[in-house]
């Protein structure tokens, strides 16, 4: 009897030791490798947070537009590995929806065709329509955004961007708002390329999209429910702190559309950036600055004179021509609509 009692005691002690090991998080050794289909969490992953409860969500865009602007269609000359017009690095204008160097790959989802801006009592809305892929449907896998110049001095103040939009529902996912807190964008001469590359840090302050925003409803984006080639962005007017007149320029790009690279023509030399126009033989083709497109800046809330840095050209009375009803402007001109009507504008310089 004592013999069996001793065995019982020994077995009990072993069970207690094993249970204690489990409670302490110690795993008993095993000769078999454990395989799991679950993804491995990296040590750098942030702990999960509670989902954001949104209070204000944008609605449908206003019918009345504050500005409408056309842009050059590079698909017309893409088979020639060049852009038709509109690429002037010195003046901060980019028409280069192509790969670097060879320029033998054209990216329609980066080629802006039309830009619109509108406002209601709560929101400002920006729409960027890019070239559709005639052969197949395409994903909008670039970055899309608009720049706001509050002081109308050529130096941007805010940059709003969405990265790879994929939903036709309004969402804050992948939406960013950047602010130039130290006012160094534009370098010595605003908009125009400086003789010496700048040492600034662009839009260095991210105020939305970093998980620490004060207002989780500040900025939204979606793919247009009626046009799969249009990106729509909505930002609260409160961002502007009461300003009612400013300039807006639209952007599409990939890696070079980086908040901290503004102004891009102050961060690279013309030789480094290249050109998409074969007419500029010394600089052609595009080099370190590629896969990028932008527009001139629309005047919002005021009548432009044509002297605004980065602004769209203003037609001289008697020298402008309205587009035919229901038609776009003939290249290389672009459509530009303000409160005073629509015009076909030809690129300057």
C-alpha atoms as a PDB file:
ATOM      1  CA  UNK A   1       0.000   0.000   0.000  1.00  0.00           C
ATOM      2  CA  UNK A   2       2.830   2.362   0.846  1.00  0.00           C
ATOM      3  CA  UNK A   3       4.434   1.603  -2.526  1.00  0.00           C
ATOM      4  CA  UNK A   4       1.304   2.693  -4.421  1.00  0.00           C
ATOM      5  CA  UNK A   5       0.925   5.729  -2.178  1.00  0.00           C
ATOM      6  CA  UNK A   6       4.458   6.859  -3.039  1.00  0.00           C
ATOM      7  CA  UNK A   7       3.700   6.443  -6.758  1.00  0.00           C
ATOM      8  CA  UNK A   8       0.537   8.493  -6.299  1.00  0.00           C
ATOM      9  CA  UNK A   9       2.472  11.242  -4.543  1.00  0.00           C
ATOM     10  CA  UNK A  10       5.129  11.280  -7.280  1.00  0.00           C
ATOM     11  CA  UNK A  11       2.510  11.459 -10.008  1.00  0.00           C
ATOM     12  CA  UNK A  12       0.699  14.284  -8.222  1.00  0.00           C
ATOM     13  CA  UNK A  13       3.908  16.303  -7.900  1.00  0.00           C
ATOM     14  CA  UNK A  14       4.592  15.852 -11.636  1.00  0.00           C
ATOM     15  CA  UNK A  15       1.098  17.069 -12.540  1.00  0.00           C
ATOM     16  CA  UNK A  16       1.485  20.115 -10.281  1.00  0.00           C
ATOM     17  CA  UNK A  17       4.853  20.980 -11.865  1.00  0.00           C
ATOM     18  CA  UNK A  18       3.438  20.730 -15.362  1.00  0.00           C
ATOM     19  CA  UNK A  19       0.414  22.849 -14.487  1.00  0.00           C
ATOM     20  CA  UNK A  20       2.680  25.444 -12.904  1.00  0.00           C
ATOM     21  CA  UNK A  21       4.802  25.539 -16.069  1.00  0.00           C
ATOM     22  CA  UNK A  22       1.697  26.254 -18.171  1.00  0.00           C
ATOM     23  CA  UNK A  23       0.621  29.052 -15.844  1.00  0.00           C
ATOM     24  CA  UNK A  24       4.062  30.620 -16.045  1.00  0.00           C
ATOM     25  CA  UNK A  25       3.953  30.627 -19.846  1.00  0.00           C
ATOM     26  CA  UNK A  26       6.655  27.974 -20.164  1.00  0.00           C
ATOM     27  CA  UNK A  27       6.130  25.607 -23.084  1.00  0.00           C
ATOM     28  CA  UNK A  28       7.133  21.998 -22.553  1.00  0.00           C
ATOM     29  CA  UNK A  29       9.726  20.866 -25.066  1.00  0.00           C
ATOM     30  CA  UNK A  30       8.479  19.093 -28.164  1.00  0.00           C
ATOM     31  CA  UNK A  31      10.157  17.114 -30.868  1.00  0.00           C
ATOM     32  CA  UNK A  32       7.609  18.286 -33.451  1.00  0.00           C
ATOM     33  CA  UNK A  33       7.679  21.700 -35.196  1.00  0.00           C
ATOM     34  CA  UNK A  34       4.450  23.689 -34.781  1.00  0.00           C
ATOM     35  CA  UNK A  35       3.104  25.139 -38.064  1.00  0.00           C
ATOM     36  CA  UNK A  36       0.439  27.879 -38.080  1.00  0.00           C
ATOM     37  CA  UNK A  37      -1.485  29.467 -40.925  1.00  0.00           C
ATOM     38  CA  UNK A  38      -1.921  32.654 -38.912  1.00  0.00           C
ATOM     39  CA  UNK A  39       0.228  35.656 -39.925  1.00  0.00           C
ATOM     40  CA  UNK A  40       3.162  36.470 -37.700  1.00  0.00           C
ATOM     41  CA  UNK A  41       2.863  39.824 -35.975  1.00  0.00           C
ATOM     42  CA  UNK A  42       5.995  41.926 -36.259  1.00  0.00           C
ATOM     43  CA  UNK A  43       7.438  43.420 -33.120  1.00  0.00           C
ATOM     44  CA  UNK A  44       7.012  46.900 -34.655  1.00  0.00           C
ATOM     45  CA  UNK A  45       3.255  46.505 -35.091  1.00  0.00           C
ATOM     46  CA  UNK A  46       1.162  48.953 -33.099  1.00  0.00           C
ATOM     47  CA  UNK A  47      -1.398  47.564 -30.636  1.00  0.00           C
ATOM     48  CA  UNK A  48      -4.975  47.585 -31.969  1.00  0.00           C
ATOM     49  CA  UNK A  49      -7.012  50.678 -31.184  1.00  0.00           C
ATOM     50  CA  UNK A  50     -10.731  51.200 -30.935  1.00  0.00           C
ATOM     51  CA  UNK A  51     -12.408  52.039 -34.244  1.00  0.00           C
ATOM     52  CA  UNK A  52     -13.011  55.740 -34.847  1.00  0.00           C
ATOM     53  CA  UNK A  53     -16.607  56.892 -34.514  1.00  0.00           C
ATOM     54  CA  UNK A  54     -17.142  59.457 -37.266  1.00  0.00           C
ATOM     55  CA  UNK A  55     -19.589  62.266 -36.658  1.00  0.00           C
ATOM     56  CA  UNK A  56     -19.474  64.155 -39.976  1.00  0.00           C
ATOM     57  CA  UNK A  57     -19.251  62.464 -43.377  1.00  0.00           C
ATOM     58  CA  UNK A  58     -19.275  64.328 -46.718  1.00  0.00           C
ATOM     59  CA  UNK A  59     -22.299  64.058 -48.979  1.00  0.00           C
ATOM     60  CA  UNK A  60     -22.640  64.495 -52.709  1.00  0.00           C
ATOM     61  CA  UNK A  61     -20.604  67.175 -54.440  1.00  0.00           C
ATOM     62  CA  UNK A  62     -22.225  70.548 -55.168  1.00  0.00           C
ATOM     63  CA  UNK A  63     -23.472  71.104 -58.697  1.00  0.00           C
ATOM     64  CA  UNK A  64     -21.947  74.574 -58.907  1.00  0.00           C
ATOM     65  CA  UNK A  65     -18.160  74.501 -59.286  1.00  0.00           C
ATOM     66  CA  UNK A  66     -15.722  77.135 -58.077  1.00  0.00           C
ATOM     67  CA  UNK A  67     -13.275  76.150 -60.805  1.00  0.00           C
ATOM     68  CA  UNK A  68     -12.845  73.678 -63.662  1.00  0.00           C
ATOM     69  CA  UNK A  69      -9.536  73.039 -65.355  1.00  0.00           C
ATOM     70  CA  UNK A  70      -8.448  70.787 -68.192  1.00  0.00           C
ATOM     71  CA  UNK A  71      -4.969  69.309 -68.554  1.00  0.00           C
ATOM     72  CA  UNK A  72      -2.841  67.894 -71.356  1.00  0.00           C
ATOM     73  CA  UNK A  73      -3.529  64.394 -72.637  1.00  0.00           C
ATOM     74  CA  UNK A  74      -0.211  62.556 -72.944  1.00  0.00           C
ATOM     75  CA  UNK A  75      -1.865  59.478 -74.436  1.00  0.00           C
ATOM     76  CA  UNK A  76      -1.920  61.267 -77.806  1.00  0.00           C
ATOM     77  CA  UNK A  77       1.888  61.117 -78.052  1.00  0.00           C
ATOM     78  CA  UNK A  78       2.709  58.252 -75.697  1.00  0.00           C
ATOM     79  CA  UNK A  79       3.627  56.009 -78.643  1.00  0.00           C
ATOM     80  CA  UNK A  80       6.370  58.545 -79.402  1.00  0.00           C
ATOM     81  CA  UNK A  81       7.720  58.386 -75.820  1.00  0.00           C
ATOM     82  CA  UNK A  82       6.985  62.023 -75.146  1.00  0.00           C
ATOM     83  CA  UNK A  83       4.392  64.421 -73.782  1.00  0.00           C
ATOM     84  CA  UNK A  84       2.538  66.739 -76.163  1.00  0.00           C
ATOM     85  CA  UNK A  85       3.023  69.880 -74.048  1.00  0.00           C
ATOM     86  CA  UNK A  86       2.702  71.238 -70.536  1.00  0.00           C
ATOM     87  CA  UNK A  87       5.982  70.042 -69.006  1.00  0.00           C
ATOM     88  CA  UNK A  88       7.991  73.048 -67.794  1.00  0.00           C
ATOM     89  CA  UNK A  89      10.181  72.055 -64.867  1.00  0.00           C
ATOM     90  CA  UNK A  90      11.522  75.578 -64.361  1.00  0.00           C
ATOM     91  CA  UNK A  91       8.009  76.879 -63.722  1.00  0.00           C
ATOM     92  CA  UNK A  92       6.821  73.964 -61.601  1.00  0.00           C
ATOM     93  CA  UNK A  93       4.646  72.347 -64.269  1.00  0.00           C
ATOM     94  CA  UNK A  94       4.854  68.598 -64.821  1.00  0.00           C
ATOM     95  CA  UNK A  95       3.424  66.487 -67.608  1.00  0.00           C
ATOM     96  CA  UNK A  96       5.316  63.233 -67.234  1.00  0.00           C
ATOM     97  CA  UNK A  97       3.059  60.207 -66.630  1.00  0.00           C
ATOM     98  CA  UNK A  98       5.887  57.985 -67.906  1.00  0.00           C
ATOM     99  CA  UNK A  99       8.583  55.733 -66.501  1.00  0.00           C
ATOM    100  CA  UNK A 100      12.056  57.157 -66.076  1.00  0.00           C
ATOM    101  CA  UNK A 101      14.661  57.242 -68.861  1.00  0.00           C
ATOM    102  CA  UNK A 102      13.071  55.073 -71.562  1.00  0.00           C
ATOM    103  CA  UNK A 103       9.612  56.691 -71.289  1.00  0.00           C
ATOM    104  CA  UNK A 104       8.249  53.606 -73.000  1.00  0.00           C
ATOM    105  CA  UNK A 105       5.608  52.946 -70.333  1.00  0.00           C
ATOM    106  CA  UNK A 106       2.674  55.349 -70.147  1.00  0.00           C
ATOM    107  CA  UNK A 107       0.571  55.403 -66.970  1.00  0.00           C
ATOM    108  CA  UNK A 108      -2.969  56.586 -67.795  1.00  0.00           C
ATOM    109  CA  UNK A 109      -3.945  56.539 -64.103  1.00  0.00           C
ATOM    110  CA  UNK A 110      -1.405  59.354 -63.552  1.00  0.00           C
ATOM    111  CA  UNK A 111      -2.434  61.494 -66.525  1.00  0.00           C
ATOM    112  CA  UNK A 112      -4.780  64.228 -65.264  1.00  0.00           C
ATOM    113  CA  UNK A 113      -7.479  65.126 -67.782  1.00  0.00           C
ATOM    114  CA  UNK A 114      -9.793  67.351 -65.774  1.00  0.00           C
ATOM    115  CA  UNK A 115      -9.754  68.953 -62.322  1.00  0.00           C
ATOM    116  CA  UNK A 116     -12.706  70.473 -60.484  1.00  0.00           C
ATOM    117  CA  UNK A 117     -13.099  72.346 -57.213  1.00  0.00           C
ATOM    118  CA  UNK A 118     -16.310  73.071 -55.324  1.00  0.00           C
ATOM    119  CA  UNK A 119     -17.484  74.161 -51.871  1.00  0.00           C
ATOM    120  CA  UNK A 120     -20.572  74.076 -49.700  1.00  0.00           C
ATOM    121  CA  UNK A 121     -21.120  75.392 -46.177  1.00  0.00           C
ATOM    122  CA  UNK A 122     -18.985  72.679 -44.564  1.00  0.00           C
ATOM    123  CA  UNK A 123     -16.680  71.083 -47.128  1.00  0.00           C
ATOM    124  CA  UNK A 124     -14.369  71.862 -49.980  1.00  0.00           C
ATOM    125  CA  UNK A 125     -14.242  69.199 -52.683  1.00  0.00           C
ATOM    126  CA  UNK A 126     -11.513  68.432 -55.199  1.00  0.00           C
ATOM    127  CA  UNK A 127     -12.010  66.058 -58.116  1.00  0.00           C
ATOM    128  CA  UNK A 128      -9.217  64.682 -60.287  1.00  0.00           C
ATOM    129  CA  UNK A 129     -10.202  62.783 -63.437  1.00  0.00           C
ATOM    130  CA  UNK A 130      -7.397  60.784 -65.053  1.00  0.00           C
ATOM    131  CA  UNK A 131      -7.155  59.103 -68.431  1.00  0.00           C
ATOM    132  CA  UNK A 132      -9.125  55.891 -68.685  1.00  0.00           C
ATOM    133  CA  UNK A 133      -7.480  52.739 -69.932  1.00  0.00           C
ATOM    134  CA  UNK A 134      -9.223  51.973 -73.208  1.00  0.00           C
ATOM    135  CA  UNK A 135      -8.030  48.359 -73.220  1.00  0.00           C
ATOM    136  CA  UNK A 136      -9.146  47.356 -69.744  1.00  0.00           C
ATOM    137  CA  UNK A 137     -10.280  48.650 -66.397  1.00  0.00           C
ATOM    138  CA  UNK A 138      -7.558  50.080 -64.188  1.00  0.00           C
ATOM    139  CA  UNK A 139      -6.859  50.533 -60.522  1.00  0.00           C
ATOM    140  CA  UNK A 140      -5.946  53.999 -59.284  1.00  0.00           C
ATOM    141  CA  UNK A 141      -2.725  52.892 -57.630  1.00  0.00           C
ATOM    142  CA  UNK A 142      -1.018  56.278 -57.521  1.00  0.00           C
ATOM    143  CA  UNK A 143      -1.174  59.226 -55.141  1.00  0.00           C
ATOM    144  CA  UNK A 144      -3.681  62.004 -55.794  1.00  0.00           C
ATOM    145  CA  UNK A 145      -3.945  65.344 -54.110  1.00  0.00           C
ATOM    146  CA  UNK A 146      -4.325  69.091 -54.165  1.00  0.00           C
ATOM    147  CA  UNK A 147      -2.213  71.931 -52.870  1.00  0.00           C
ATOM    148  CA  UNK A 148      -3.631  75.082 -51.270  1.00  0.00           C
ATOM    149  CA  UNK A 149      -1.862  78.450 -51.390  1.00  0.00           C
ATOM    150  CA  UNK A 150      -3.686  80.682 -48.903  1.00  0.00           C
ATOM    151  CA  UNK A 151      -1.541  83.784 -49.331  1.00  0.00           C
ATOM    152  CA  UNK A 152      -1.557  83.609 -53.147  1.00  0.00           C
ATOM    153  CA  UNK A 153       2.206  84.117 -53.071  1.00  0.00           C
ATOM    154  CA  UNK A 154       3.253  80.872 -54.763  1.00  0.00           C
ATOM    155  CA  UNK A 155       4.226  79.129 -51.527  1.00  0.00           C
ATOM    156  CA  UNK A 156       1.843  76.286 -50.687  1.00  0.00           C
ATOM    157  CA  UNK A 157       0.384  76.030 -47.199  1.00  0.00           C
ATOM    158  CA  UNK A 158      -1.499  72.713 -47.220  1.00  0.00           C
ATOM    159  CA  UNK A 159      -1.193  69.489 -49.198  1.00  0.00           C
ATOM    160  CA  UNK A 160      -4.052  66.993 -49.095  1.00  0.00           C
ATOM    161  CA  UNK A 161      -3.379  63.518 -50.535  1.00  0.00           C
ATOM    162  CA  UNK A 162      -4.952  60.097 -50.832  1.00  0.00           C
ATOM    163  CA  UNK A 163      -2.838  57.012 -51.506  1.00  0.00           C
ATOM    164  CA  UNK A 164      -4.232  54.317 -53.801  1.00  0.00           C
ATOM    165  CA  UNK A 165      -7.962  55.002 -53.354  1.00  0.00           C
ATOM    166  CA  UNK A 166     -10.067  51.884 -53.847  1.00  0.00           C
ATOM    167  CA  UNK A 167     -13.542  52.526 -52.428  1.00  0.00           C
ATOM    168  CA  UNK A 168     -16.540  54.360 -53.877  1.00  0.00           C
ATOM    169  CA  UNK A 169     -17.638  55.125 -50.306  1.00  0.00           C
ATOM    170  CA  UNK A 170     -16.237  58.086 -48.421  1.00  0.00           C
ATOM    171  CA  UNK A 171     -13.364  56.922 -46.219  1.00  0.00           C
ATOM    172  CA  UNK A 172     -10.507  58.451 -44.258  1.00  0.00           C
ATOM    173  CA  UNK A 173      -8.245  55.478 -45.019  1.00  0.00           C
ATOM    174  CA  UNK A 174      -4.927  56.513 -46.613  1.00  0.00           C
ATOM    175  CA  UNK A 175      -5.912  60.195 -46.566  1.00  0.00           C
ATOM    176  CA  UNK A 176      -3.254  62.639 -45.410  1.00  0.00           C
ATOM    177  CA  UNK A 177      -3.159  66.378 -44.690  1.00  0.00           C
ATOM    178  CA  UNK A 178       0.214  68.102 -44.537  1.00  0.00           C
ATOM    179  CA  UNK A 179       1.101  71.631 -43.427  1.00  0.00           C
ATOM    180  CA  UNK A 180       4.195  73.739 -44.067  1.00  0.00           C
ATOM    181  CA  UNK A 181       4.715  75.055 -40.563  1.00  0.00           C
ATOM    182  CA  UNK A 182       8.097  76.702 -41.137  1.00  0.00           C
ATOM    183  CA  UNK A 183       7.126  78.379 -44.417  1.00  0.00           C
ATOM    184  CA  UNK A 184      10.102  77.206 -46.457  1.00  0.00           C
ATOM    185  CA  UNK A 185       8.251  75.870 -49.509  1.00  0.00           C
ATOM    186  CA  UNK A 186       9.236  77.628 -52.699  1.00  0.00           C
ATOM    187  CA  UNK A 187      12.735  78.561 -51.647  1.00  0.00           C
ATOM    188  CA  UNK A 188      14.027  81.987 -52.643  1.00  0.00           C
ATOM    189  CA  UNK A 189      11.832  82.419 -55.720  1.00  0.00           C
ATOM    190  CA  UNK A 190       8.359  80.940 -55.310  1.00  0.00           C
ATOM    191  CA  UNK A 191       7.172  78.379 -57.888  1.00  0.00           C
ATOM    192  CA  UNK A 192      10.167  79.022 -60.167  1.00  0.00           C
ATOM    193  CA  UNK A 193      13.170  76.723 -59.778  1.00  0.00           C
ATOM    194  CA  UNK A 194      15.964  78.236 -57.695  1.00  0.00           C
ATOM    195  CA  UNK A 195      19.488  78.339 -59.104  1.00  0.00           C
ATOM    196  CA  UNK A 196      20.757  76.265 -56.183  1.00  0.00           C
ATOM    197  CA  UNK A 197      18.721  73.281 -54.894  1.00  0.00           C
ATOM    198  CA  UNK A 198      16.936  74.182 -51.664  1.00  0.00           C
ATOM    199  CA  UNK A 199      17.683  72.706 -48.258  1.00  0.00           C
ATOM    200  CA  UNK A 200      14.084  72.895 -47.019  1.00  0.00           C
ATOM    201  CA  UNK A 201      11.911  70.062 -45.732  1.00  0.00           C
ATOM    202  CA  UNK A 202       8.697  70.709 -47.692  1.00  0.00           C
ATOM    203  CA  UNK A 203       5.415  69.952 -45.969  1.00  0.00           C
ATOM    204  CA  UNK A 204       7.036  68.712 -42.806  1.00  0.00           C
ATOM    205  CA  UNK A 205       4.013  68.595 -40.477  1.00  0.00           C
ATOM    206  CA  UNK A 206       1.357  65.922 -40.897  1.00  0.00           C
ATOM    207  CA  UNK A 207      -1.859  67.021 -39.199  1.00  0.00           C
ATOM    208  CA  UNK A 208      -4.109  64.215 -40.438  1.00  0.00           C
ATOM    209  CA  UNK A 209      -3.607  60.569 -41.278  1.00  0.00           C
ATOM    210  CA  UNK A 210      -0.989  59.818 -38.635  1.00  0.00           C
ATOM    211  CA  UNK A 211      -3.372  58.402 -36.054  1.00  0.00           C
ATOM    212  CA  UNK A 212      -3.041  61.415 -33.763  1.00  0.00           C
ATOM    213  CA  UNK A 213      -5.324  63.928 -35.472  1.00  0.00           C
ATOM    214  CA  UNK A 214      -7.466  66.262 -33.386  1.00  0.00           C
ATOM    215  CA  UNK A 215     -10.410  65.918 -35.781  1.00  0.00           C
ATOM    216  CA  UNK A 216     -10.913  62.383 -37.163  1.00  0.00           C
ATOM    217  CA  UNK A 217     -13.469  63.764 -39.668  1.00  0.00           C
ATOM    218  CA  UNK A 218     -11.206  66.389 -41.225  1.00  0.00           C
ATOM    219  CA  UNK A 219     -10.443  64.790 -44.610  1.00  0.00           C
ATOM    220  CA  UNK A 220     -12.002  62.081 -46.781  1.00  0.00           C
ATOM    221  CA  UNK A 221     -11.620  60.523 -50.208  1.00  0.00           C
ATOM    222  CA  UNK A 222     -13.334  58.095 -52.563  1.00  0.00           C
ATOM    223  CA  UNK A 223     -13.435  56.966 -56.163  1.00  0.00           C
ATOM    224  CA  UNK A 224     -16.362  58.652 -57.873  1.00  0.00           C
ATOM    225  CA  UNK A 225     -19.419  56.372 -57.790  1.00  0.00           C
ATOM    226  CA  UNK A 226     -20.171  57.376 -61.382  1.00  0.00           C
ATOM    227  CA  UNK A 227     -16.652  57.445 -62.869  1.00  0.00           C
ATOM    228  CA  UNK A 228     -14.014  54.818 -61.974  1.00  0.00           C
ATOM    229  CA  UNK A 229     -11.282  57.134 -63.296  1.00  0.00           C
ATOM    230  CA  UNK A 230     -12.074  60.047 -60.970  1.00  0.00           C
ATOM    231  CA  UNK A 231     -10.806  60.603 -57.436  1.00  0.00           C
ATOM    232  CA  UNK A 232     -12.831  62.836 -55.125  1.00  0.00           C
ATOM    233  CA  UNK A 233     -11.497  64.404 -51.937  1.00  0.00           C
ATOM    234  CA  UNK A 234     -13.382  66.346 -49.268  1.00  0.00           C
ATOM    235  CA  UNK A 235     -11.845  68.499 -46.531  1.00  0.00           C
ATOM    236  CA  UNK A 236     -13.553  70.604 -43.908  1.00  0.00           C
ATOM    237  CA  UNK A 237     -13.554  74.327 -44.615  1.00  0.00           C
ATOM    238  CA  UNK A 238     -12.544  74.846 -40.993  1.00  0.00           C
ATOM    239  CA  UNK A 239      -9.000  73.932 -42.085  1.00  0.00           C
ATOM    240  CA  UNK A 240      -8.748  77.343 -43.758  1.00  0.00           C
ATOM    241  CA  UNK A 241      -9.654  79.272 -40.590  1.00  0.00           C
ATOM    242  CA  UNK A 242     -11.981  81.638 -42.443  1.00  0.00           C
ATOM    243  CA  UNK A 243      -9.913  82.294 -45.594  1.00  0.00           C
ATOM    244  CA  UNK A 244     -12.198  82.601 -48.607  1.00  0.00           C
ATOM    245  CA  UNK A 245      -9.749  83.368 -51.420  1.00  0.00           C
ATOM    246  CA  UNK A 246      -6.828  81.118 -52.325  1.00  0.00           C
ATOM    247  CA  UNK A 247      -5.193  79.095 -55.094  1.00  0.00           C
ATOM    248  CA  UNK A 248      -5.596  75.369 -55.709  1.00  0.00           C
ATOM    249  CA  UNK A 249      -3.400  73.083 -57.824  1.00  0.00           C
ATOM    250  CA  UNK A 250      -3.979  69.366 -58.460  1.00  0.00           C
ATOM    251  CA  UNK A 251      -1.448  66.521 -58.436  1.00  0.00           C
ATOM    252  CA  UNK A 252      -1.091  62.860 -59.442  1.00  0.00           C
ATOM    253  CA  UNK A 253       2.053  60.789 -58.980  1.00  0.00           C
ATOM    254  CA  UNK A 254       3.854  57.978 -57.204  1.00  0.00           C
ATOM    255  CA  UNK A 255       7.124  58.154 -55.247  1.00  0.00           C
ATOM    256  CA  UNK A 256       8.056  61.664 -56.360  1.00  0.00           C
ATOM    257  CA  UNK A 257       4.742  63.027 -55.106  1.00  0.00           C
ATOM    258  CA  UNK A 258       6.189  63.281 -51.615  1.00  0.00           C
ATOM    259  CA  UNK A 259       5.098  65.952 -49.125  1.00  0.00           C
ATOM    260  CA  UNK A 260       8.689  66.537 -48.048  1.00  0.00           C
ATOM    261  CA  UNK A 261       9.956  67.097 -51.624  1.00  0.00           C
ATOM    262  CA  UNK A 262       8.076  70.355 -52.193  1.00  0.00           C
ATOM    263  CA  UNK A 263       8.730  72.367 -54.175  1.00  0.00           C
ATOM    264  CA  UNK A 264      10.043  69.587 -56.371  1.00  0.00           C
ATOM    265  CA  UNK A 265      11.886  71.903 -58.752  1.00  0.00           C
ATOM    266  CA  UNK A 266      13.811  73.291 -55.771  1.00  0.00           C
ATOM    267  CA  UNK A 267      14.912  69.824 -54.667  1.00  0.00           C
ATOM    268  CA  UNK A 268      16.323  68.716 -58.037  1.00  0.00           C
ATOM    269  CA  UNK A 269      18.192  70.436 -60.819  1.00  0.00           C
ATOM    270  CA  UNK A 270      16.705  70.466 -64.302  1.00  0.00           C
ATOM    271  CA  UNK A 271      19.478  68.137 -65.421  1.00  0.00           C
ATOM    272  CA  UNK A 272      18.564  65.644 -62.685  1.00  0.00           C
ATOM    273  CA  UNK A 273      14.826  65.858 -63.325  1.00  0.00           C
ATOM    274  CA  UNK A 274      14.940  65.716 -67.126  1.00  0.00           C
ATOM    275  CA  UNK A 275      12.034  66.626 -69.396  1.00  0.00           C
ATOM    276  CA  UNK A 276       9.257  64.799 -71.214  1.00  0.00           C
ATOM    277  CA  UNK A 277       9.481  67.161 -74.202  1.00  0.00           C
ATOM    278  CA  UNK A 278      11.826  66.201 -77.012  1.00  0.00           C
ATOM    279  CA  UNK A 279      12.066  69.884 -77.887  1.00  0.00           C
ATOM    280  CA  UNK A 280      14.282  70.268 -74.814  1.00  0.00           C
ATOM    281  CA  UNK A 281      17.049  68.088 -76.224  1.00  0.00           C
ATOM    282  CA  UNK A 282      19.520  68.825 -73.456  1.00  0.00           C
ATOM    283  CA  UNK A 283      17.122  67.623 -70.732  1.00  0.00           C
ATOM    284  CA  UNK A 284      15.061  64.915 -72.494  1.00  0.00           C
ATOM    285  CA  UNK A 285      14.032  62.292 -71.353  1.00  0.00           C
ATOM    286  CA  UNK A 286      12.578  62.375 -67.824  1.00  0.00           C
ATOM    287  CA  UNK A 287      15.090  61.105 -65.290  1.00  0.00           C
ATOM    288  CA  UNK A 288      14.915  61.393 -61.494  1.00  0.00           C
ATOM    289  CA  UNK A 289      11.492  63.091 -61.548  1.00  0.00           C
ATOM    290  CA  UNK A 290       9.035  60.793 -63.317  1.00  0.00           C
ATOM    291  CA  UNK A 291       5.507  59.365 -62.999  1.00  0.00           C
ATOM    292  CA  UNK A 292       4.144  62.805 -62.153  1.00  0.00           C
ATOM    293  CA  UNK A 293       1.466  65.187 -63.402  1.00  0.00           C
ATOM    294  CA  UNK A 294       0.011  68.423 -62.093  1.00  0.00           C
ATOM    295  CA  UNK A 295      -2.081  71.397 -63.140  1.00  0.00           C
ATOM    296  CA  UNK A 296      -1.678  75.130 -62.961  1.00  0.00           C
ATOM    297  CA  UNK A 297      -3.404  76.696 -59.954  1.00  0.00           C
ATOM    298  CA  UNK A 298      -7.029  77.760 -60.058  1.00  0.00           C
ATOM    299  CA  UNK A 299      -8.109  81.005 -58.423  1.00  0.00           C
ATOM    300  CA  UNK A 300     -10.826  80.308 -55.842  1.00  0.00           C
ATOM    301  CA  UNK A 301     -12.928  83.140 -54.435  1.00  0.00           C
ATOM    302  CA  UNK A 302     -11.360  85.966 -56.454  1.00  0.00           C
ATOM    303  CA  UNK A 303     -10.807  87.104 -60.030  1.00  0.00           C
ATOM    304  CA  UNK A 304      -7.200  86.375 -61.054  1.00  0.00           C
ATOM    305  CA  UNK A 305      -5.061  88.893 -62.897  1.00  0.00           C
ATOM    306  CA  UNK A 306      -2.721  86.353 -64.458  1.00  0.00           C
ATOM    307  CA  UNK A 307       0.206  87.481 -62.320  1.00  0.00           C
ATOM    308  CA  UNK A 308      -0.368  85.009 -59.482  1.00  0.00           C
ATOM    309  CA  UNK A 309       2.665  82.698 -59.024  1.00  0.00           C
ATOM    310  CA  UNK A 310       1.808  79.263 -60.363  1.00  0.00           C
ATOM    311  CA  UNK A 311      -1.609  80.455 -61.476  1.00  0.00           C
ATOM    312  CA  UNK A 312      -3.333  79.519 -64.687  1.00  0.00           C
ATOM    313  CA  UNK A 313      -2.976  82.000 -67.544  1.00  0.00           C
ATOM    314  CA  UNK A 314      -5.794  84.501 -67.867  1.00  0.00           C
ATOM    315  CA  UNK A 315      -7.164  85.157 -71.354  1.00  0.00           C
ATOM    316  CA  UNK A 316      -6.606  88.600 -72.773  1.00  0.00           C
ATOM    317  CA  UNK A 317      -9.892  90.178 -73.907  1.00  0.00           C
ATOM    318  CA  UNK A 318     -10.376  89.375 -77.566  1.00  0.00           C
ATOM    319  CA  UNK A 319      -7.608  86.746 -77.476  1.00  0.00           C
ATOM    320  CA  UNK A 320      -9.587  83.925 -75.899  1.00  0.00           C
ATOM    321  CA  UNK A 321     -11.937  81.484 -77.544  1.00  0.00           C
ATOM    322  CA  UNK A 322     -14.746  79.622 -75.821  1.00  0.00           C
ATOM    323  CA  UNK A 323     -14.893  75.883 -76.439  1.00  0.00           C
ATOM    324  CA  UNK A 324     -17.609  74.602 -78.773  1.00  0.00           C
ATOM    325  CA  UNK A 325     -20.727  73.509 -76.853  1.00  0.00           C
ATOM    326  CA  UNK A 326     -20.238  70.034 -75.406  1.00  0.00           C
ATOM    327  CA  UNK A 327     -16.656  69.795 -76.656  1.00  0.00           C
ATOM    328  CA  UNK A 328     -13.201  70.146 -75.166  1.00  0.00           C
ATOM    329  CA  UNK A 329     -10.515  72.537 -76.292  1.00  0.00           C
ATOM    330  CA  UNK A 330      -8.233  71.568 -79.185  1.00  0.00           C
ATOM    331  CA  UNK A 331      -4.686  70.631 -78.102  1.00  0.00           C
ATOM    332  CA  UNK A 332      -2.391  72.056 -76.949  1.00  0.00           C
ATOM    333  CA  UNK A 333      -4.908  74.402 -75.337  1.00  0.00           C
ATOM    334  CA  UNK A 334      -6.665  73.486 -72.090  1.00  0.00           C
ATOM    335  CA  UNK A 335     -10.093  74.224 -70.718  1.00  0.00           C
ATOM    336  CA  UNK A 336     -10.354  76.738 -67.892  1.00  0.00           C
ATOM    337  CA  UNK A 337     -13.652  77.750 -66.302  1.00  0.00           C
ATOM    338  CA  UNK A 338     -14.201  80.457 -63.721  1.00  0.00           C
ATOM    339  CA  UNK A 339     -17.239  82.418 -62.601  1.00  0.00           C
ATOM    340  CA  UNK A 340     -16.815  84.500 -65.765  1.00  0.00           C
ATOM    341  CA  UNK A 341     -17.179  81.556 -68.125  1.00  0.00           C
ATOM    342  CA  UNK A 342     -15.064  78.888 -69.865  1.00  0.00           C
ATOM    343  CA  UNK A 343     -12.095  79.509 -72.112  1.00  0.00           C
ATOM    344  CA  UNK A 344      -9.554  77.617 -74.175  1.00  0.00           C
ATOM    345  CA  UNK A 345      -6.154  78.630 -72.843  1.00  0.00           C
ATOM    346  CA  UNK A 346      -2.897  77.944 -74.627  1.00  0.00           C
ATOM    347  CA  UNK A 347       0.226  77.172 -72.594  1.00  0.00           C
ATOM    348  CA  UNK A 348       2.530  80.081 -71.971  1.00  0.00           C
ATOM    349  CA  UNK A 349       6.281  80.001 -72.376  1.00  0.00           C
END
